[in-house]
PDB file of N, CA and C in Angstrom:
ATOM      1  N   UNK A   1      -0.317  33.901  13.085  1.00  0.00           N
ATOM      2  CA  UNK A   1      -0.036  33.946  12.318  1.00  0.00           C
ATOM      3  C   UNK A   1      -0.875  33.824  10.930  1.00  0.00           C
ATOM      4  N   UNK A   2      -0.865  34.610   9.713  1.00  0.00           N
ATOM      5  CA  UNK A   2      -1.487  34.997   8.760  1.00  0.00           C
ATOM      6  C   UNK A   2      -0.986  33.829   7.616  1.00  0.00           C
ATOM      7  N   UNK A   3      -1.946  33.497   7.248  1.00  0.00           N
ATOM      8  CA  UNK A   3      -1.842  32.127   5.779  1.00  0.00           C
ATOM      9  C   UNK A   3      -1.108  33.050   4.847  1.00  0.00           C
ATOM     10  N   UNK A   4       0.107  32.589   4.650  1.00  0.00           N
ATOM     11  CA  UNK A   4       1.226  33.065   3.727  1.00  0.00           C
ATOM     12  C   UNK A   4       1.616  33.929   4.207  1.00  0.00           C
ATOM     13  N   UNK A   5       1.721  34.617   5.299  1.00  0.00           N
ATOM     14  CA  UNK A   5       2.324  35.704   6.031  1.00  0.00           C
ATOM     15  C   UNK A   5       3.728  35.449   6.435  1.00  0.00           C
ATOM     16  N   UNK A   6       4.136  36.166   6.693  1.00  0.00           N
ATOM     17  CA  UNK A   6       5.593  36.397   6.995  1.00  0.00           C
ATOM     18  C   UNK A   6       6.069  34.870   8.230  1.00  0.00           C
ATOM     19  N   UNK A   7       6.520  34.092   8.449  1.00  0.00           N
ATOM     20  CA  UNK A   7       6.712  33.272   9.737  1.00  0.00           C
ATOM     21  C   UNK A   7       8.045  34.190  10.749  1.00  0.00           C
ATOM     22  N   UNK A   8       7.003  34.073  11.766  1.00  0.00           N
ATOM     23  CA  UNK A   8       7.939  35.107  12.988  1.00  0.00           C
ATOM     24  C   UNK A   8       8.445  33.997  13.518  1.00  0.00           C
ATOM     25  N   UNK A   9       9.814  34.239  14.544  1.00  0.00           N
ATOM     26  CA  UNK A   9      10.764  33.935  15.662  1.00  0.00           C
ATOM     27  C   UNK A   9       9.456  32.964  16.301  1.00  0.00           C
ATOM     28  N   UNK A  10       8.625  33.921  17.163  1.00  0.00           N
ATOM     29  CA  UNK A  10       7.781  32.861  18.223  1.00  0.00           C
ATOM     30  C   UNK A  10       7.068  32.068  17.573  1.00  0.00           C
ATOM     31  N   UNK A  11       6.404  32.262  16.279  1.00  0.00           N
ATOM     32  CA  UNK A  11       5.587  31.171  15.772  1.00  0.00           C
ATOM     33  C   UNK A  11       6.615  30.067  15.634  1.00  0.00           C
ATOM     34  N   UNK A  12       7.408  30.480  14.756  1.00  0.00           N
ATOM     35  CA  UNK A  12       8.058  28.613  14.264  1.00  0.00           C
ATOM     36  C   UNK A  12       8.862  28.297  15.248  1.00  0.00           C
ATOM     37  N   UNK A  13       9.097  29.090  16.446  1.00  0.00           N
ATOM     38  CA  UNK A  13       9.457  27.796  17.910  1.00  0.00           C
ATOM     39  C   UNK A  13       9.036  27.403  17.993  1.00  0.00           C
ATOM     40  N   UNK A  14       7.223  28.085  18.757  1.00  0.00           N
ATOM     41  CA  UNK A  14       6.174  27.665  18.679  1.00  0.00           C
ATOM     42  C   UNK A  14       5.661  25.970  17.739  1.00  0.00           C
ATOM     43  N   UNK A  15       6.127  26.049  16.566  1.00  0.00           N
ATOM     44  CA  UNK A  15       5.183  25.252  15.735  1.00  0.00           C
ATOM     45  C   UNK A  15       6.752  23.952  15.857  1.00  0.00           C
ATOM     46  N   UNK A  16       8.374  24.175  16.285  1.00  0.00           N
ATOM     47  CA  UNK A  16       9.278  22.885  16.510  1.00  0.00           C
ATOM     48  C   UNK A  16       8.882  22.630  17.928  1.00  0.00           C
ATOM     49  N   UNK A  17       8.408  23.286  18.377  1.00  0.00           N
ATOM     50  CA  UNK A  17       7.924  22.317  19.980  1.00  0.00           C
ATOM     51  C   UNK A  17       6.694  21.741  19.694  1.00  0.00           C
ATOM     52  N   UNK A  18       5.803  22.043  18.767  1.00  0.00           N
ATOM     53  CA  UNK A  18       4.378  21.235  18.460  1.00  0.00           C
ATOM     54  C   UNK A  18       4.986  19.508  18.004  1.00  0.00           C
ATOM     55  N   UNK A  19       6.464  19.836  17.059  1.00  0.00           N
ATOM     56  CA  UNK A  19       6.862  18.663  16.630  1.00  0.00           C
ATOM     57  C   UNK A  19       7.249  18.334  17.678  1.00  0.00           C
ATOM     58  N   UNK A  20       8.103  18.908  18.226  1.00  0.00           N
ATOM     59  CA  UNK A  20       8.790  18.034  19.799  1.00  0.00           C
ATOM     60  C   UNK A  20       7.975  17.007  20.160  1.00  0.00           C
ATOM     61  N   UNK A  21       6.729  17.353  20.226  1.00  0.00           N
ATOM     62  CA  UNK A  21       5.843  16.866  21.312  1.00  0.00           C
ATOM     63  C   UNK A  21       5.135  16.276  20.768  1.00  0.00           C
ATOM     64  N   UNK A  22       4.597  15.991  19.282  1.00  0.00           N
ATOM     65  CA  UNK A  22       3.704  15.005  18.692  1.00  0.00           C
ATOM     66  C   UNK A  22       4.575  13.875  17.942  1.00  0.00           C
ATOM     67  N   UNK A  23       6.290  14.374  17.580  1.00  0.00           N
ATOM     68  CA  UNK A  23       6.749  13.705  17.072  1.00  0.00           C
ATOM     69  C   UNK A  23       6.584  13.696  15.359  1.00  0.00           C
ATOM     70  N   UNK A  24       5.965  14.828  15.211  1.00  0.00           N
ATOM     71  CA  UNK A  24       5.635  15.288  13.652  1.00  0.00           C
ATOM     72  C   UNK A  24       7.089  16.146  13.097  1.00  0.00           C
ATOM     73  N   UNK A  25       7.285  15.713  11.731  1.00  0.00           N
ATOM     74  CA  UNK A  25       8.298  15.738  10.950  1.00  0.00           C
ATOM     75  C   UNK A  25       8.789  17.355  10.669  1.00  0.00           C
ATOM     76  N   UNK A  26       9.521  17.808  11.072  1.00  0.00           N
ATOM     77  CA  UNK A  26       9.534  19.585  11.365  1.00  0.00           C
ATOM     78  C   UNK A  26      10.189  20.111  10.159  1.00  0.00           C
ATOM     79  N   UNK A  27      10.840  18.979   8.557  1.00  0.00           N
ATOM     80  CA  UNK A  27      11.736  19.345   7.980  1.00  0.00           C
ATOM     81  C   UNK A  27      10.964  20.812   7.163  1.00  0.00           C
ATOM     82  N   UNK A  28      10.001  20.587   6.889  1.00  0.00           N
ATOM     83  CA  UNK A  28       9.437  21.555   6.060  1.00  0.00           C
ATOM     84  C   UNK A  28       8.840  22.898   6.539  1.00  0.00           C
ATOM     85  N   UNK A  29       9.033  22.589   7.947  1.00  0.00           N
ATOM     86  CA  UNK A  29       8.940  24.855   8.635  1.00  0.00           C
ATOM     87  C   UNK A  29      10.843  25.055   8.426  1.00  0.00           C
ATOM     88  N   UNK A  30      11.828  24.089   9.295  1.00  0.00           N
ATOM     89  CA  UNK A  30      12.703  24.444   8.965  1.00  0.00           C
ATOM     90  C   UNK A  30      12.811  24.355   7.717  1.00  0.00           C
ATOM     91  N   UNK A  31      12.793  24.234   6.578  1.00  0.00           N
ATOM     92  CA  UNK A  31      13.737  24.627   4.981  1.00  0.00           C
ATOM     93  C   UNK A  31      12.467  26.279   4.935  1.00  0.00           C
ATOM     94  N   UNK A  32      11.646  26.557   5.711  1.00  0.00           N
ATOM     95  CA  UNK A  32      10.973  27.746   5.435  1.00  0.00           C
ATOM     96  C   UNK A  32      11.729  28.920   5.790  1.00  0.00           C
ATOM     97  N   UNK A  33      12.381  28.639   6.732  1.00  0.00           N
ATOM     98  CA  UNK A  33      12.743  29.427   7.771  1.00  0.00           C
ATOM     99  C   UNK A  33      13.991  30.526   7.066  1.00  0.00           C
ATOM    100  N   UNK A  34      13.707  31.994   7.180  1.00  0.00           N
ATOM    101  CA  UNK A  34      14.901  32.758   6.505  1.00  0.00           C
ATOM    102  C   UNK A  34      16.376  32.086   7.106  1.00  0.00           C
ATOM    103  N   UNK A  35      17.842  32.375   6.463  1.00  0.00           N
ATOM    104  CA  UNK A  35      18.428  32.214   7.104  1.00  0.00           C
ATOM    105  C   UNK A  35      18.902  32.825   8.840  1.00  0.00           C
ATOM    106  N   UNK A  36      18.690  34.466   8.480  1.00  0.00           N
ATOM    107  CA  UNK A  36      18.842  35.373   9.636  1.00  0.00           C
ATOM    108  C   UNK A  36      17.791  35.014  10.857  1.00  0.00           C
ATOM    109  N   UNK A  37      16.684  33.829  10.352  1.00  0.00           N
ATOM    110  CA  UNK A  37      15.983  33.316  11.763  1.00  0.00           C
ATOM    111  C   UNK A  37      16.319  31.955  12.486  1.00  0.00           C
ATOM    112  N   UNK A  38      17.172  31.477  12.348  1.00  0.00           N
ATOM    113  CA  UNK A  38      17.895  30.871  12.484  1.00  0.00           C
ATOM    114  C   UNK A  38      18.027  30.018  13.945  1.00  0.00           C
ATOM    115  N   UNK A  39      19.271  31.627  13.827  1.00  0.00           N
ATOM    116  CA  UNK A  39      19.974  31.823  15.312  1.00  0.00           C
ATOM    117  C   UNK A  39      18.547  32.164  16.454  1.00  0.00           C
ATOM    118  N   UNK A  40      17.831  32.857  16.220  1.00  0.00           N
ATOM    119  CA  UNK A  40      17.296  32.974  16.910  1.00  0.00           C
ATOM    120  C   UNK A  40      15.677  32.264  17.695  1.00  0.00           C
ATOM    121  N   UNK A  41      15.844  31.296  16.311  1.00  0.00           N
ATOM    122  CA  UNK A  41      14.695  30.417  16.221  1.00  0.00           C
ATOM    123  C   UNK A  41      15.228  29.284  17.818  1.00  0.00           C
ATOM    124  N   UNK A  42      16.516  29.203  17.002  1.00  0.00           N
ATOM    125  CA  UNK A  42      17.586  27.819  17.949  1.00  0.00           C
ATOM    126  C   UNK A  42      17.976  28.343  19.674  1.00  0.00           C
ATOM    127  N   UNK A  43      17.935  29.483  19.783  1.00  0.00           N
ATOM    128  CA  UNK A  43      17.867  30.032  20.981  1.00  0.00           C
ATOM    129  C   UNK A  43      16.916  30.166  21.905  1.00  0.00           C
ATOM    130  N   UNK A  44      15.711  30.632  21.045  1.00  0.00           N
ATOM    131  CA  UNK A  44      14.416  30.562  21.777  1.00  0.00           C
ATOM    132  C   UNK A  44      13.862  28.610  22.065  1.00  0.00           C
ATOM    133  N   UNK A  45      13.941  28.188  20.987  1.00  0.00           N
ATOM    134  CA  UNK A  45      13.321  26.881  20.949  1.00  0.00           C
ATOM    135  C   UNK A  45      14.363  26.135  22.231  1.00  0.00           C
ATOM    136  N   UNK A  46      15.350  26.497  22.402  1.00  0.00           N
ATOM    137  CA  UNK A  46      16.622  25.966  23.542  1.00  0.00           C
ATOM    138  C   UNK A  46      15.958  26.320  24.669  1.00  0.00           C
ATOM    139  N   UNK A  47      15.576  27.691  25.286  1.00  0.00           N
ATOM    140  CA  UNK A  47      15.443  28.480  26.418  1.00  0.00           C
ATOM    141  C   UNK A  47      14.182  27.496  26.360  1.00  0.00           C
ATOM    142  N   UNK A  48      13.511  27.602  25.887  1.00  0.00           N
ATOM    143  CA  UNK A  48      11.651  26.656  26.046  1.00  0.00           C
ATOM    144  C   UNK A  48      12.107  25.662  26.348  1.00  0.00           C
ATOM    145  N   UNK A  49      13.009  24.672  25.978  1.00  0.00           N
ATOM    146  CA  UNK A  49      13.445  23.133  26.435  1.00  0.00           C
ATOM    147  C   UNK A  49      13.887  23.562  27.995  1.00  0.00           C
ATOM    148  N   UNK A  50      14.677  24.439  27.928  1.00  0.00           N
ATOM    149  CA  UNK A  50      15.162  23.824  29.397  1.00  0.00           C
ATOM    150  C   UNK A  50      14.056  24.570  31.045  1.00  0.00           C
ATOM    151  N   UNK A  51      13.270  25.375  30.106  1.00  0.00           N
ATOM    152  CA  UNK A  51      12.530  25.793  31.029  1.00  0.00           C
ATOM    153  C   UNK A  51      11.159  24.519  31.741  1.00  0.00           C
ATOM    154  N   UNK A  52      11.508  23.482  30.773  1.00  0.00           N
ATOM    155  CA  UNK A  52      10.339  22.157  31.316  1.00  0.00           C
ATOM    156  C   UNK A  52      11.379  21.402  32.373  1.00  0.00           C
ATOM    157  N   UNK A  53      10.408  20.700  33.075  1.00  0.00           N
ATOM    158  CA  UNK A  53      10.556  19.970  34.152  1.00  0.00           C
ATOM    159  C   UNK A  53      11.475  18.906  33.510  1.00  0.00           C
ATOM    160  N   UNK A  54      12.109  18.512  34.527  1.00  0.00           N
ATOM    161  CA  UNK A  54      13.570  17.947  34.146  1.00  0.00           C
ATOM    162  C   UNK A  54      13.197  16.493  33.438  1.00  0.00           C
ATOM    163  N   UNK A  55      11.761  15.982  34.242  1.00  0.00           N
ATOM    164  CA  UNK A  55      11.138  14.538  33.378  1.00  0.00           C
ATOM    165  C   UNK A  55      10.817  14.326  31.781  1.00  0.00           C
ATOM    166  N   UNK A  56      10.094  15.692  31.738  1.00  0.00           N
ATOM    167  CA  UNK A  56       9.927  16.272  30.368  1.00  0.00           C
ATOM    168  C   UNK A  56      11.229  16.356  29.536  1.00  0.00           C
ATOM    169  N   UNK A  57      12.421  17.028  30.093  1.00  0.00           N
ATOM    170  CA  UNK A  57      13.226  17.082  29.204  1.00  0.00           C
ATOM    171  C   UNK A  57      14.294  15.770  29.009  1.00  0.00           C
ATOM    172  N   UNK A  58      14.068  15.133  29.998  1.00  0.00           N
ATOM    173  CA  UNK A  58      14.354  13.907  29.944  1.00  0.00           C
ATOM    174  C   UNK A  58      13.592  12.750  29.004  1.00  0.00           C
ATOM    175  N   UNK A  59      12.417  13.179  29.142  1.00  0.00           N
ATOM    176  CA  UNK A  59      11.658  12.130  27.773  1.00  0.00           C
ATOM    177  C   UNK A  59      12.046  12.556  26.394  1.00  0.00           C
ATOM    178  N   UNK A  60      12.021  13.911  26.677  1.00  0.00           N
ATOM    179  CA  UNK A  60      11.806  14.150  25.044  1.00  0.00           C
ATOM    180  C   UNK A  60      12.969  14.665  24.365  1.00  0.00           C
ATOM    181  N   UNK A  61      14.414  14.453  25.281  1.00  0.00           N
ATOM    182  CA  UNK A  61      15.821  14.775  24.829  1.00  0.00           C
ATOM    183  C   UNK A  61      16.236  14.402  23.436  1.00  0.00           C
ATOM    184  N   UNK A  62      16.140  13.069  23.143  1.00  0.00           N
ATOM    185  CA  UNK A  62      16.843  12.720  22.423  1.00  0.00           C
ATOM    186  C   UNK A  62      15.940  13.825  20.604  1.00  0.00           C
ATOM    187  N   UNK A  63      15.065  13.487  20.651  1.00  0.00           N
ATOM    188  CA  UNK A  63      13.934  14.268  19.989  1.00  0.00           C
ATOM    189  C   UNK A  63      14.278  15.832  19.590  1.00  0.00           C
ATOM    190  N   UNK A  64      14.655  16.273  20.756  1.00  0.00           N
ATOM    191  CA  UNK A  64      15.355  17.437  21.226  1.00  0.00           C
ATOM    192  C   UNK A  64      16.396  17.731  20.511  1.00  0.00           C
ATOM    193  N   UNK A  65      17.674  17.371  20.331  1.00  0.00           N
ATOM    194  CA  UNK A  65      18.809  17.254  19.981  1.00  0.00           C
ATOM    195  C   UNK A  65      18.997  17.061  18.765  1.00  0.00           C
ATOM    196  N   UNK A  66      17.655  15.977  18.294  1.00  0.00           N
ATOM    197  CA  UNK A  66      17.610  15.945  16.792  1.00  0.00           C
ATOM    198  C   UNK A  66      17.027  16.599  15.774  1.00  0.00           C
ATOM    199  N   UNK A  67      15.886  18.223  16.302  1.00  0.00           N
ATOM    200  CA  UNK A  67      15.796  19.050  16.017  1.00  0.00           C
ATOM    201  C   UNK A  67      16.867  19.989  15.734  1.00  0.00           C
ATOM    202  N   UNK A  68      17.517  20.112  16.851  1.00  0.00           N
ATOM    203  CA  UNK A  68      18.463  21.187  17.275  1.00  0.00           C
ATOM    204  C   UNK A  68      19.466  21.038  15.918  1.00  0.00           C
ATOM    205  N   UNK A  69      19.578  19.752  15.741  1.00  0.00           N
ATOM    206  CA  UNK A  69      20.722  19.156  14.959  1.00  0.00           C
ATOM    207  C   UNK A  69      20.427  19.438  13.439  1.00  0.00           C
ATOM    208  N   UNK A  70      19.052  18.922  12.719  1.00  0.00           N
ATOM    209  CA  UNK A  70      18.625  19.806  11.971  1.00  0.00           C
ATOM    210  C   UNK A  70      18.452  21.474  11.426  1.00  0.00           C
ATOM    211  N   UNK A  71      18.387  22.159  13.038  1.00  0.00           N
ATOM    212  CA  UNK A  71      18.390  23.630  12.319  1.00  0.00           C
ATOM    213  C   UNK A  71      19.989  23.960  12.318  1.00  0.00           C
ATOM    214  N   UNK A  72      21.111  23.344  13.306  1.00  0.00           N
ATOM    215  CA  UNK A  72      22.290  23.652  12.606  1.00  0.00           C
ATOM    216  C   UNK A  72      22.717  23.365  11.460  1.00  0.00           C
ATOM    217  N   UNK A  73      22.270  21.993  10.735  1.00  0.00           N
ATOM    218  CA  UNK A  73      22.626  21.570   9.477  1.00  0.00           C
ATOM    219  C   UNK A  73      22.338  22.577   8.572  1.00  0.00           C
ATOM    220  N   UNK A  74      21.407  23.206   8.391  1.00  0.00           N
ATOM    221  CA  UNK A  74      20.686  24.517   7.471  1.00  0.00           C
ATOM    222  C   UNK A  74      21.704  25.415   7.670  1.00  0.00           C
ATOM    223  N   UNK A  75      22.415  26.074   8.615  1.00  0.00           N
ATOM    224  CA  UNK A  75      23.756  26.655   8.391  1.00  0.00           C
ATOM    225  C   UNK A  75      24.869  26.831   8.562  1.00  0.00           C
ATOM    226  N   UNK A  76      25.878  27.475   7.306  1.00  0.00           N
ATOM    227  CA  UNK A  76      26.704  27.491   7.258  1.00  0.00           C
ATOM    228  C   UNK A  76      27.875  27.291   8.221  1.00  0.00           C
ATOM    229  N   UNK A  77      27.697  28.634   9.163  1.00  0.00           N
ATOM    230  CA  UNK A  77      28.367  28.754  10.277  1.00  0.00           C
ATOM    231  C   UNK A  77      28.227  27.618  11.424  1.00  0.00           C
ATOM    232  N   UNK A  78      27.697  26.997  11.585  1.00  0.00           N
ATOM    233  CA  UNK A  78      26.694  26.196  12.644  1.00  0.00           C
ATOM    234  C   UNK A  78      26.823  24.521  12.465  1.00  0.00           C
ATOM    235  N   UNK A  79      28.321  24.176  11.518  1.00  0.00           N
ATOM    236  CA  UNK A  79      28.179  22.832  10.602  1.00  0.00           C
ATOM    237  C   UNK A  79      29.204  21.902  12.164  1.00  0.00           C
ATOM    238  N   UNK A  80      29.496  22.752  12.671  1.00  0.00           N
ATOM    239  CA  UNK A  80      30.662  22.033  13.927  1.00  0.00           C
ATOM    240  C   UNK A  80      29.611  22.233  14.944  1.00  0.00           C
ATOM    241  N   UNK A  81      29.025  22.802  15.036  1.00  0.00           N
ATOM    242  CA  UNK A  81      27.753  22.795  16.198  1.00  0.00           C
ATOM    243  C   UNK A  81      26.865  21.428  15.577  1.00  0.00           C
ATOM    244  N   UNK A  82      26.748  21.114  14.101  1.00  0.00           N
ATOM    245  CA  UNK A  82      25.882  20.029  14.095  1.00  0.00           C
ATOM    246  C   UNK A  82      26.578  19.065  14.422  1.00  0.00           C
ATOM    247  N   UNK A  83      27.631  18.661  13.834  1.00  0.00           N
ATOM    248  CA  UNK A  83      28.459  17.383  14.339  1.00  0.00           C
ATOM    249  C   UNK A  83      28.366  17.257  15.942  1.00  0.00           C
ATOM    250  N   UNK A  84      28.878  18.288  16.500  1.00  0.00           N
ATOM    251  CA  UNK A  84      29.061  17.875  17.983  1.00  0.00           C
ATOM    252  C   UNK A  84      27.593  17.006  18.865  1.00  0.00           C
ATOM    253  N   UNK A  85      26.462  18.072  18.119  1.00  0.00           N
ATOM    254  CA  UNK A  85      24.972  17.551  18.234  1.00  0.00           C
ATOM    255  C   UNK A  85      24.978  15.776  18.231  1.00  0.00           C
ATOM    256  N   UNK A  86      25.586  15.471  16.717  1.00  0.00           N
ATOM    257  CA  UNK A  86      25.124  14.014  16.662  1.00  0.00           C
ATOM    258  C   UNK A  86      25.840  13.427  17.211  1.00  0.00           C
ATOM    259  N   UNK A  87      27.699  13.621  17.707  1.00  0.00           N
ATOM    260  CA  UNK A  87      28.294  13.092  18.388  1.00  0.00           C
ATOM    261  C   UNK A  87      27.695  12.973  20.085  1.00  0.00           C
ATOM    262  N   UNK A  88      27.102  14.199  19.919  1.00  0.00           N
ATOM    263  CA  UNK A  88      26.422  13.909  21.575  1.00  0.00           C
ATOM    264  C   UNK A  88      25.329  12.438  21.947  1.00  0.00           C
ATOM    265  N   UNK A  89      23.991  12.789  20.564  1.00  0.00           N
ATOM    266  CA  UNK A  89      23.107  11.759  20.284  1.00  0.00           C
ATOM    267  C   UNK A  89      23.888  10.504  20.327  1.00  0.00           C
ATOM    268  N   UNK A  90      24.558  10.429  19.443  1.00  0.00           N
ATOM    269  CA  UNK A  90      25.878   8.888  19.426  1.00  0.00           C
ATOM    270  C   UNK A  90      25.971   8.409  20.999  1.00  0.00           C
ATOM    271  N   UNK A  91      26.601   9.325  21.701  1.00  0.00           N
ATOM    272  CA  UNK A  91      26.733   8.892  22.941  1.00  0.00           C
ATOM    273  C   UNK A  91      26.027   8.509  23.790  1.00  0.00           C
ATOM    274  N   UNK A  92      24.754   9.159  23.974  1.00  0.00           N
ATOM    275  CA  UNK A  92      23.464   9.091  24.747  1.00  0.00           C
ATOM    276  C   UNK A  92      23.392   7.736  24.513  1.00  0.00           C
ATOM    277  N   UNK A  93      23.200   7.527  22.935  1.00  0.00           N
ATOM    278  CA  UNK A  93      22.634   5.752  23.017  1.00  0.00           C
ATOM    279  C   UNK A  93      23.279   4.740  23.494  1.00  0.00           C
ATOM    280  N   UNK A  94      24.409   5.391  23.213  1.00  0.00           N
ATOM    281  CA  UNK A  94      25.747   4.045  23.894  1.00  0.00           C
ATOM    282  C   UNK A  94      25.566   3.932  25.706  1.00  0.00           C
ATOM    283  N   UNK A  95      25.258   5.477  25.853  1.00  0.00           N
ATOM    284  CA  UNK A  95      24.861   5.065  27.302  1.00  0.00           C
ATOM    285  C   UNK A  95      23.688   4.516  27.678  1.00  0.00           C
ATOM    286  N   UNK A  96      23.138   4.687  27.119  1.00  0.00           N
ATOM    287  CA  UNK A  96      21.658   3.946  27.348  1.00  0.00           C
ATOM    288  C   UNK A  96      21.577   2.908  27.170  1.00  0.00           C
ATOM    289  N   UNK A  97      22.434   2.307  25.882  1.00  0.00           N
ATOM    290  CA  UNK A  97      22.290   0.645  25.567  1.00  0.00           C
ATOM    291  C   UNK A  97      23.018  -0.034  27.098  1.00  0.00           C
ATOM    292  N   UNK A  98      23.782   0.772  27.397  1.00  0.00           N
ATOM    293  CA  UNK A  98      24.905   0.087  28.791  1.00  0.00           C
ATOM    294  C   UNK A  98      23.875   0.313  29.998  1.00  0.00           C
ATOM    295  N   UNK A  99      23.193   1.169  29.983  1.00  0.00           N
ATOM    296  CA  UNK A  99      22.309   1.445  31.404  1.00  0.00           C
ATOM    297  C   UNK A  99      20.889  -0.033  31.420  1.00  0.00           C
ATOM    298  N   UNK A 100      20.425  -0.711  30.155  1.00  0.00           N
ATOM    299  CA  UNK A 100      20.009  -1.184  30.059  1.00  0.00           C
ATOM    300  C   UNK A 100      19.896  -2.257  30.413  1.00  0.00           C
ATOM    301  N   UNK A 101      21.604  -2.890  29.944  1.00  0.00           N
ATOM    302  CA  UNK A 101      21.987  -3.719  30.522  1.00  0.00           C
ATOM    303  C   UNK A 101      22.402  -4.515  31.606  1.00  0.00           C
ATOM    304  N   UNK A 102      22.271  -3.121  33.043  1.00  0.00           N
ATOM    305  CA  UNK A 102      22.098  -3.021  35.076  1.00  0.00           C
ATOM    306  C   UNK A 102      20.819  -3.935  34.569  1.00  0.00           C
ATOM    307  N   UNK A 103      20.954  -5.292  35.845  1.00  0.00           N
ATOM    308  CA  UNK A 103      20.099  -5.520  36.582  1.00  0.00           C
ATOM    309  C   UNK A 103      19.691  -3.998  37.689  1.00  0.00           C
ATOM    310  N   UNK A 104      18.261  -4.008  37.951  1.00  0.00           N
ATOM    311  CA  UNK A 104      17.597  -2.848  38.784  1.00  0.00           C
ATOM    312  C   UNK A 104      18.321  -2.861  39.770  1.00  0.00           C
ATOM    313  N   UNK A 105      18.733  -3.482  40.460  1.00  0.00           N
ATOM    314  CA  UNK A 105      19.617  -3.390  41.468  1.00  0.00           C
ATOM    315  C   UNK A 105      21.055  -2.771  41.440  1.00  0.00           C
ATOM    316  N   UNK A 106      21.459  -2.510  40.375  1.00  0.00           N
ATOM    317  CA  UNK A 106      22.890  -2.188  40.376  1.00  0.00           C
ATOM    318  C   UNK A 106      22.801  -0.397  39.680  1.00  0.00           C
ATOM    319  N   UNK A 107      21.396  -0.474  38.957  1.00  0.00           N
ATOM    320  CA  UNK A 107      20.833   1.289  38.566  1.00  0.00           C
ATOM    321  C   UNK A 107      21.051   2.254  39.611  1.00  0.00           C
ATOM    322  N   UNK A 108      20.665   1.394  40.972  1.00  0.00           N
ATOM    323  CA  UNK A 108      19.946   2.542  41.968  1.00  0.00           C
ATOM    324  C   UNK A 108      21.289   2.829  42.583  1.00  0.00           C
ATOM    325  N   UNK A 109      22.160   2.152  42.577  1.00  0.00           N
ATOM    326  CA  UNK A 109      23.701   2.536  42.802  1.00  0.00           C
ATOM    327  C   UNK A 109      24.515   3.903  42.020  1.00  0.00           C
ATOM    328  N   UNK A 110      24.160   3.498  41.033  1.00  0.00           N
ATOM    329  CA  UNK A 110      24.979   4.544  39.888  1.00  0.00           C
ATOM    330  C   UNK A 110      24.395   5.979  39.650  1.00  0.00           C
TER     331      UNK A 110
END
């Protein structure tokens, strides 16, 4: 990518993946995306995440959902998806809290 040049879908997806792995804030990147690019970047980001090993997916799952939620919040048409993802993150947090209350012997049975 040329400095000051147009941001392409593959490069934007690579930067989102970098933010996912490093934990850096991706807001500046998301705000700089053109509205017509949002769906393409989102689909490519999801496909890239789904190609990872299950252990990697599990480790980065909440950060992945957070980035997807931010992506969807920036477009008018995807507000319901953003709300769904926010609810999913809340349910995942509740499930994780309940799992942390179990003893190790109880966890092997579920």
